[in-house]
Structures are given as structure tokens and as C-alpha cells.
Amino acid sequence: MSMPAPPDPQHCPLCGQANLCAMEAARLTGQPQGPCWCTQVDFNRAALARIPAQARRKACICQACATPASTQQHPA
């Protein structure tokens, strides 16, 4: 049985779109990026609960999935 691929820290584990994580960009480039969009958002608790266990604390969700209205946009 093969292991699932590790989560890509640059993409949302819920929808696969780029998550635009400033902290990940800074890690990859070595250049400061400024505050991340996630510091300005109230996260959708239902979306956070849908993050696969193997991606938790390894890949950020995107802003579309993080916002409360996104529950209907990106079904599980």
C-alpha cells in the first residue's frame, strides 16, 4: 500500500488552489513578505474541520475556503 503524497504547503488542501501564504513564500525565497492575508480573516470553522489530518499544520487553506461564505463554494 502506497503512502499518500505529502501536502503541498503552497496549495490549499481543500480545493487545490494557491493559498498565497506569505510565511511559506518567505520560507521559500528567504525574503520577508509582510503580513499574511490570514491575519485579517475570521476562519470558517467548518472549513478548518475538513482539512485532512495529514495536511494539518503543514498546508494553509486559501482565502476563499477560509471565509464563512465559502462553505457552499467548495463542498467537501
Protein backbone atom coordinates (compact mmCIF):
# COMPACT_ATOMS: atom_id res chain seq x y z
CA MET A 1 0.00 0.00 0.00
CA SER A 2 1.47 3.36 -1.01
CA MET A 3 1.55 6.39 1.24
CA PRO A 4 -0.39 9.48 0.13
CA ALA A 5 1.70 12.33 -1.25
CA PRO A 6 2.71 14.86 1.40
CA PRO A 7 0.66 18.08 1.36
CA ASP A 8 1.96 20.92 -0.80
CA PRO A 9 2.43 23.90 1.55
CA GLN A 10 1.78 26.32 -1.34
CA HIS A 11 -1.70 24.95 -2.12
CA CYS A 12 -4.95 24.73 -0.23
CA PRO A 13 -5.58 21.17 0.99
CA LEU A 14 -9.33 21.65 0.44
CA CYS A 15 -9.57 23.00 -3.12
CA GLY A 16 -6.02 22.77 -4.51
CA GLN A 17 -5.74 26.46 -5.37
CA ALA A 18 -2.67 28.52 -4.41
CA ASN A 19 -3.06 29.59 -0.79
CA LEU A 20 -0.88 32.71 -1.14
CA CYS A 21 0.69 32.06 2.25
CA ALA A 22 3.15 34.87 2.96
CA MET A 23 5.00 32.80 5.54
CA GLU A 24 5.58 29.96 3.06
CA ALA A 25 6.69 32.44 0.38
CA ALA A 26 9.17 33.94 2.86
CA ARG A 27 10.46 30.48 3.73
CA LEU A 28 10.97 29.58 0.07
CA THR A 29 12.54 32.86 -1.05
CA GLY A 30 14.31 33.94 2.12
CA GLN A 31 12.71 37.36 1.62
CA PRO A 32 10.27 38.97 4.08
CA GLN A 33 6.76 39.16 2.63
CA GLY A 34 4.85 41.31 5.10
CA PRO A 35 1.76 40.19 6.97
CA CYS A 36 -0.18 37.27 5.54
CA TRP A 37 -3.81 37.66 4.47
CA CYS A 38 -4.74 35.09 7.13
CA THR A 39 -4.05 37.56 9.93
CA GLN A 40 -7.03 39.64 8.72
CA VAL A 41 -9.65 36.87 8.34
CA ASP A 42 -12.09 35.09 10.66
CA PHE A 43 -11.69 31.46 9.62
CA ASN A 44 -14.68 29.28 8.77
CA ARG A 45 -14.62 26.61 11.50
CA ALA A 46 -16.38 24.09 9.23
CA ALA A 47 -13.65 24.51 6.60
CA LEU A 48 -10.91 24.06 9.20
CA ALA A 49 -12.56 20.84 10.36
CA ARG A 50 -12.43 19.47 6.76
CA ILE A 51 -8.64 19.77 6.46
CA PRO A 52 -7.25 16.23 6.06
CA ALA A 53 -5.25 15.06 9.08
CA GLN A 54 -2.04 14.67 7.04
CA ALA A 55 -2.25 18.35 5.93
CA ARG A 56 -2.94 19.91 9.34
CA ARG A 57 -0.19 22.34 10.34
CA LYS A 58 1.55 21.59 7.03
CA ALA A 59 -0.54 23.45 4.42
CA CYS A 60 -2.70 26.54 4.78
CA ILE A 61 -6.18 26.78 3.32
CA CYS A 62 -6.80 29.54 0.76
CA GLN A 63 -8.73 32.72 1.47
CA ALA A 64 -11.77 31.51 -0.49
CA CYS A 65 -12.03 28.37 1.65
CA ALA A 66 -11.24 30.26 4.87
CA THR A 67 -14.12 32.71 4.68
CA PRO A 68 -17.58 31.76 6.02
CA ALA A 69 -19.35 32.13 2.67
CA SER A 70 -17.05 29.50 1.14
CA THR A 71 -18.88 26.54 2.69
CA GLN A 72 -21.12 26.36 -0.38
CA GLN A 73 -18.33 27.20 -2.87
CA HIS A 74 -16.02 24.29 -2.01
CA PRO A 75 -18.05 21.32 -0.80
CA ALA A 76 -16.19 18.51 0.95
